[in-house]
Amino acid sequence: MVVEEIVNRRLSAFLLWLTITVAGLLLFVLEPGKSALLPGCPFRTLTGFTCPGCGTTRGLHQLLHGNLAAAFQLNPFLILALPFLLYALLSYTNTVLRGNPIRRNTLPAKYIWALFGFLLFFWIFRNTPFYPFAS
């Protein structure tokens, strides 16, 4: 691996963490729904239905303030997916900092399809009157 490629990957990891940090600080300070800097869901605005990501910004805001129950109520899929996303981010950062080659996706297709099916089910279920969580 060339030195320039290692530097570029490390720079990308640094910029990724910097972006997450700045976005987290802004989300901690600004309250979604009350700030013009944090727009609402365009899908919900256009259709009136909630998407699988609706409530994510408000949920992250609640999570940053230590309110796990409120974050789960706003978007349970976010809370369930967050540990996996954090693991992926930490693995990527570790790989880049050590200078190792980035591995290809080793997750079998059946798991990806199962995740897609769960996401589709969640999307449909949260738009029914039986959905118990706030949207």
C-alpha atoms as a PDB file:
ATOM      1  CA  MET A   1       0.000   0.000   0.000  1.00  0.00           C
ATOM      2  CA  VAL A   2       1.350   3.389  -0.950  1.00  0.00           C
ATOM      3  CA  VAL A   3       1.997   6.024   1.690  1.00  0.00           C
ATOM      4  CA  GLU A   4      -0.331   8.482  -0.050  1.00  0.00           C
ATOM      5  CA  GLU A   5      -3.211   5.999   0.128  1.00  0.00           C
ATOM      6  CA  ILE A   6      -2.609   5.436   3.853  1.00  0.00           C
ATOM      7  CA  VAL A   7      -2.581   9.200   4.470  1.00  0.00           C
ATOM      8  CA  ASN A   8      -5.797   9.644   2.462  1.00  0.00           C
ATOM      9  CA  ARG A   9      -7.544   6.896   4.407  1.00  0.00           C
ATOM     10  CA  ARG A  10      -6.409   8.303   7.727  1.00  0.00           C
ATOM     11  CA  LEU A  11      -7.533  11.753   6.666  1.00  0.00           C
ATOM     12  CA  SER A  12     -10.928  10.364   5.672  1.00  0.00           C
ATOM     13  CA  ALA A  13     -11.269   8.623   9.056  1.00  0.00           C
ATOM     14  CA  PHE A  14     -10.292  11.840  10.844  1.00  0.00           C
ATOM     15  CA  LEU A  15     -12.773  13.888   8.810  1.00  0.00           C
ATOM     16  CA  LEU A  16     -15.484  11.301   9.465  1.00  0.00           C
ATOM     17  CA  TRP A  17     -14.952  11.494  13.244  1.00  0.00           C
ATOM     18  CA  LEU A  18     -14.729  15.301  13.078  1.00  0.00           C
ATOM     19  CA  THR A  19     -18.033  15.455  11.195  1.00  0.00           C
ATOM     20  CA  ILE A  20     -19.707  13.148  13.706  1.00  0.00           C
ATOM     21  CA  THR A  21     -18.355  15.223  16.602  1.00  0.00           C
ATOM     22  CA  VAL A  22     -19.494  18.561  15.146  1.00  0.00           C
ATOM     23  CA  ALA A  23     -22.900  17.128  14.210  1.00  0.00           C
ATOM     24  CA  GLY A  24     -23.229  15.666  17.712  1.00  0.00           C
ATOM     25  CA  LEU A  25     -22.388  18.985  19.333  1.00  0.00           C
ATOM     26  CA  LEU A  26     -24.898  20.812  17.143  1.00  0.00           C
ATOM     27  CA  LEU A  27     -27.526  18.193  17.858  1.00  0.00           C
ATOM     28  CA  PHE A  28     -26.836  18.459  21.583  1.00  0.00           C
ATOM     29  CA  VAL A  29     -27.266  22.250  21.539  1.00  0.00           C
ATOM     30  CA  LEU A  30     -30.077  22.609  18.997  1.00  0.00           C
ATOM     31  CA  GLU A  31     -33.455  21.030  19.563  1.00  0.00           C
ATOM     32  CA  PRO A  32     -34.955  19.317  16.495  1.00  0.00           C
ATOM     33  CA  GLY A  33     -38.282  20.798  15.464  1.00  0.00           C
ATOM     34  CA  LYS A  34     -37.424  24.154  17.008  1.00  0.00           C
ATOM     35  CA  SER A  35     -34.351  24.981  14.968  1.00  0.00           C
ATOM     36  CA  ALA A  36     -34.293  25.899  11.286  1.00  0.00           C
ATOM     37  CA  LEU A  37     -30.857  24.250  10.974  1.00  0.00           C
ATOM     38  CA  LEU A  38     -32.404  20.816  11.559  1.00  0.00           C
ATOM     39  CA  PRO A  39     -35.038  20.263   8.876  1.00  0.00           C
ATOM     40  CA  GLY A  40     -37.895  17.793   9.157  1.00  0.00           C
ATOM     41  CA  CYS A  41     -38.309  14.606   7.155  1.00  0.00           C
ATOM     42  CA  PRO A  42     -38.892  15.374   3.461  1.00  0.00           C
ATOM     43  CA  PHE A  43     -40.722  12.056   2.933  1.00  0.00           C
ATOM     44  CA  ARG A  44     -43.165  12.863   5.733  1.00  0.00           C
ATOM     45  CA  THR A  45     -43.619  16.406   4.455  1.00  0.00           C
ATOM     46  CA  LEU A  46     -44.485  15.172   0.961  1.00  0.00           C
ATOM     47  CA  THR A  47     -46.594  12.114   1.831  1.00  0.00           C
ATOM     48  CA  GLY A  48     -47.780  12.479   5.419  1.00  0.00           C
ATOM     49  CA  PHE A  49     -46.392   9.014   6.210  1.00  0.00           C
ATOM     50  CA  THR A  50     -43.420   8.294   8.441  1.00  0.00           C
ATOM     51  CA  CYS A  51     -40.301   6.721   6.984  1.00  0.00           C
ATOM     52  CA  PRO A  52     -38.015   4.276   8.836  1.00  0.00           C
ATOM     53  CA  GLY A  53     -35.740   7.195   9.712  1.00  0.00           C
ATOM     54  CA  CYS A  54     -38.430   9.500  11.096  1.00  0.00           C
ATOM     55  CA  GLY A  55     -37.608  10.393  14.672  1.00  0.00           C
ATOM     56  CA  THR A  56     -33.892   9.716  14.248  1.00  0.00           C
ATOM     57  CA  THR A  57     -32.778  13.321  14.745  1.00  0.00           C
ATOM     58  CA  ARG A  58     -35.045  13.794  17.759  1.00  0.00           C
ATOM     59  CA  GLY A  59     -33.998  10.371  19.057  1.00  0.00           C
ATOM     60  CA  LEU A  60     -30.303  11.214  18.793  1.00  0.00           C
ATOM     61  CA  HIS A  61     -30.983  14.518  20.543  1.00  0.00           C
ATOM     62  CA  GLN A  62     -32.670  12.634  23.390  1.00  0.00           C
ATOM     63  CA  LEU A  63     -29.876  10.059  23.470  1.00  0.00           C
ATOM     64  CA  LEU A  64     -27.226  12.775  23.731  1.00  0.00           C
ATOM     65  CA  HIS A  65     -29.126  14.140  26.718  1.00  0.00           C
ATOM     66  CA  GLY A  66     -29.139  10.689  28.338  1.00  0.00           C
ATOM     67  CA  ASN A  67     -32.797   9.865  27.755  1.00  0.00           C
ATOM     68  CA  LEU A  68     -32.679   6.355  26.274  1.00  0.00           C
ATOM     69  CA  ALA A  69     -36.387   5.633  26.767  1.00  0.00           C
ATOM     70  CA  ALA A  70     -37.474   8.742  24.854  1.00  0.00           C
ATOM     71  CA  ALA A  71     -34.986   7.971  22.069  1.00  0.00           C
ATOM     72  CA  PHE A  72     -36.351   4.425  21.800  1.00  0.00           C
ATOM     73  CA  GLN A  73     -39.901   5.731  21.711  1.00  0.00           C
ATOM     74  CA  LEU A  74     -39.066   8.112  18.852  1.00  0.00           C
ATOM     75  CA  ASN A  75     -37.247   5.522  16.713  1.00  0.00           C
ATOM     76  CA  PRO A  76     -36.606   2.026  18.111  1.00  0.00           C
ATOM     77  CA  PHE A  77     -34.806   0.974  14.924  1.00  0.00           C
ATOM     78  CA  LEU A  78     -32.175   3.645  15.582  1.00  0.00           C
ATOM     79  CA  ILE A  79     -31.452   2.360  19.081  1.00  0.00           C
ATOM     80  CA  LEU A  80     -31.226  -1.228  17.842  1.00  0.00           C
ATOM     81  CA  ALA A  81     -28.959  -0.292  14.907  1.00  0.00           C
ATOM     82  CA  LEU A  82     -26.672   2.135  16.745  1.00  0.00           C
ATOM     83  CA  PRO A  83     -24.378  -0.491  18.362  1.00  0.00           C
ATOM     84  CA  PHE A  84     -23.804  -2.131  14.964  1.00  0.00           C
ATOM     85  CA  LEU A  85     -23.107   1.223  13.302  1.00  0.00           C
ATOM     86  CA  LEU A  86     -20.696   2.154  16.079  1.00  0.00           C
ATOM     87  CA  TYR A  87     -18.923  -1.204  15.730  1.00  0.00           C
ATOM     88  CA  ALA A  88     -18.574  -0.693  11.964  1.00  0.00           C
ATOM     89  CA  LEU A  89     -17.194   2.812  12.469  1.00  0.00           C
ATOM     90  CA  LEU A  90     -14.691   1.673  15.104  1.00  0.00           C
ATOM     91  CA  SER A  91     -13.599  -1.285  12.951  1.00  0.00           C
ATOM     92  CA  TYR A  92     -13.067   0.979   9.960  1.00  0.00           C
ATOM     93  CA  THR A  93     -11.077   3.458  12.052  1.00  0.00           C
ATOM     94  CA  ASN A  94      -8.956   0.676  13.561  1.00  0.00           C
ATOM     95  CA  THR A  95      -8.233  -0.806  10.135  1.00  0.00           C
ATOM     96  CA  VAL A  96      -7.282   2.566   8.682  1.00  0.00           C
ATOM     97  CA  LEU A  97      -5.046   3.576  11.601  1.00  0.00           C
ATOM     98  CA  ARG A  98      -3.163   0.273  11.462  1.00  0.00           C
ATOM     99  CA  GLY A  99      -2.692   0.638   7.710  1.00  0.00           C
ATOM    100  CA  ASN A 100      -4.388  -2.685   6.953  1.00  0.00           C
ATOM    101  CA  PRO A 101      -6.326  -3.175   3.733  1.00  0.00           C
ATOM    102  CA  ILE A 102     -10.066  -2.612   4.055  1.00  0.00           C
ATOM    103  CA  ARG A 103     -11.904  -5.915   3.910  1.00  0.00           C
ATOM    104  CA  ARG A 104     -14.780  -6.542   1.584  1.00  0.00           C
ATOM    105  CA  ASN A 105     -18.246  -7.178   2.925  1.00  0.00           C
ATOM    106  CA  THR A 106     -18.269 -10.666   4.439  1.00  0.00           C
ATOM    107  CA  LEU A 107     -21.862 -10.546   5.600  1.00  0.00           C
ATOM    108  CA  PRO A 108     -23.886 -13.247   3.820  1.00  0.00           C
ATOM    109  CA  ALA A 109     -26.635 -11.991   1.512  1.00  0.00           C
ATOM    110  CA  LYS A 110     -29.356 -13.691   3.557  1.00  0.00           C
ATOM    111  CA  TYR A 111     -28.601 -11.395   6.509  1.00  0.00           C
ATOM    112  CA  ILE A 112     -28.682  -8.314   4.321  1.00  0.00           C
ATOM    113  CA  TRP A 113     -32.046  -9.405   2.889  1.00  0.00           C
ATOM    114  CA  ALA A 114     -33.328 -10.131   6.401  1.00  0.00           C
ATOM    115  CA  LEU A 115     -32.311  -6.633   7.497  1.00  0.00           C
ATOM    116  CA  PHE A 116     -34.024  -5.164   4.450  1.00  0.00           C
ATOM    117  CA  GLY A 117     -37.185  -7.191   5.250  1.00  0.00           C
ATOM    118  CA  PHE A 118     -37.148  -6.032   8.878  1.00  0.00           C
ATOM    119  CA  LEU A 119     -36.711  -2.424   7.773  1.00  0.00           C
ATOM    120  CA  LEU A 120     -39.607  -2.750   5.320  1.00  0.00           C
ATOM    121  CA  PHE A 121     -41.800  -4.340   8.014  1.00  0.00           C
ATOM    122  CA  PHE A 122     -40.879  -1.570  10.460  1.00  0.00           C
ATOM    123  CA  TRP A 123     -41.711   1.074   7.833  1.00  0.00           C
ATOM    124  CA  ILE A 124     -45.155  -0.398   7.171  1.00  0.00           C
ATOM    125  CA  PHE A 125     -45.907  -1.175  10.833  1.00  0.00           C
ATOM    126  CA  ARG A 126     -45.110   2.319  12.085  1.00  0.00           C
ATOM    127  CA  ASN A 127     -47.663   3.768   9.648  1.00  0.00           C
ATOM    128  CA  THR A 128     -50.514   1.674  11.069  1.00  0.00           C
ATOM    129  CA  PRO A 129     -52.755   2.816  13.929  1.00  0.00           C
ATOM    130  CA  PHE A 130     -51.304  -0.055  16.003  1.00  0.00           C
ATOM    131  CA  TYR A 131     -47.850   1.453  16.145  1.00  0.00           C
ATOM    132  CA  PRO A 132     -47.255   2.198  19.860  1.00  0.00           C
ATOM    133  CA  PHE A 133     -44.504   4.758  19.480  1.00  0.00           C
ATOM    134  CA  ALA A 134     -44.603   8.488  18.833  1.00  0.00           C
ATOM    135  CA  SER A 135     -43.704   9.542  15.326  1.00  0.00           C
END
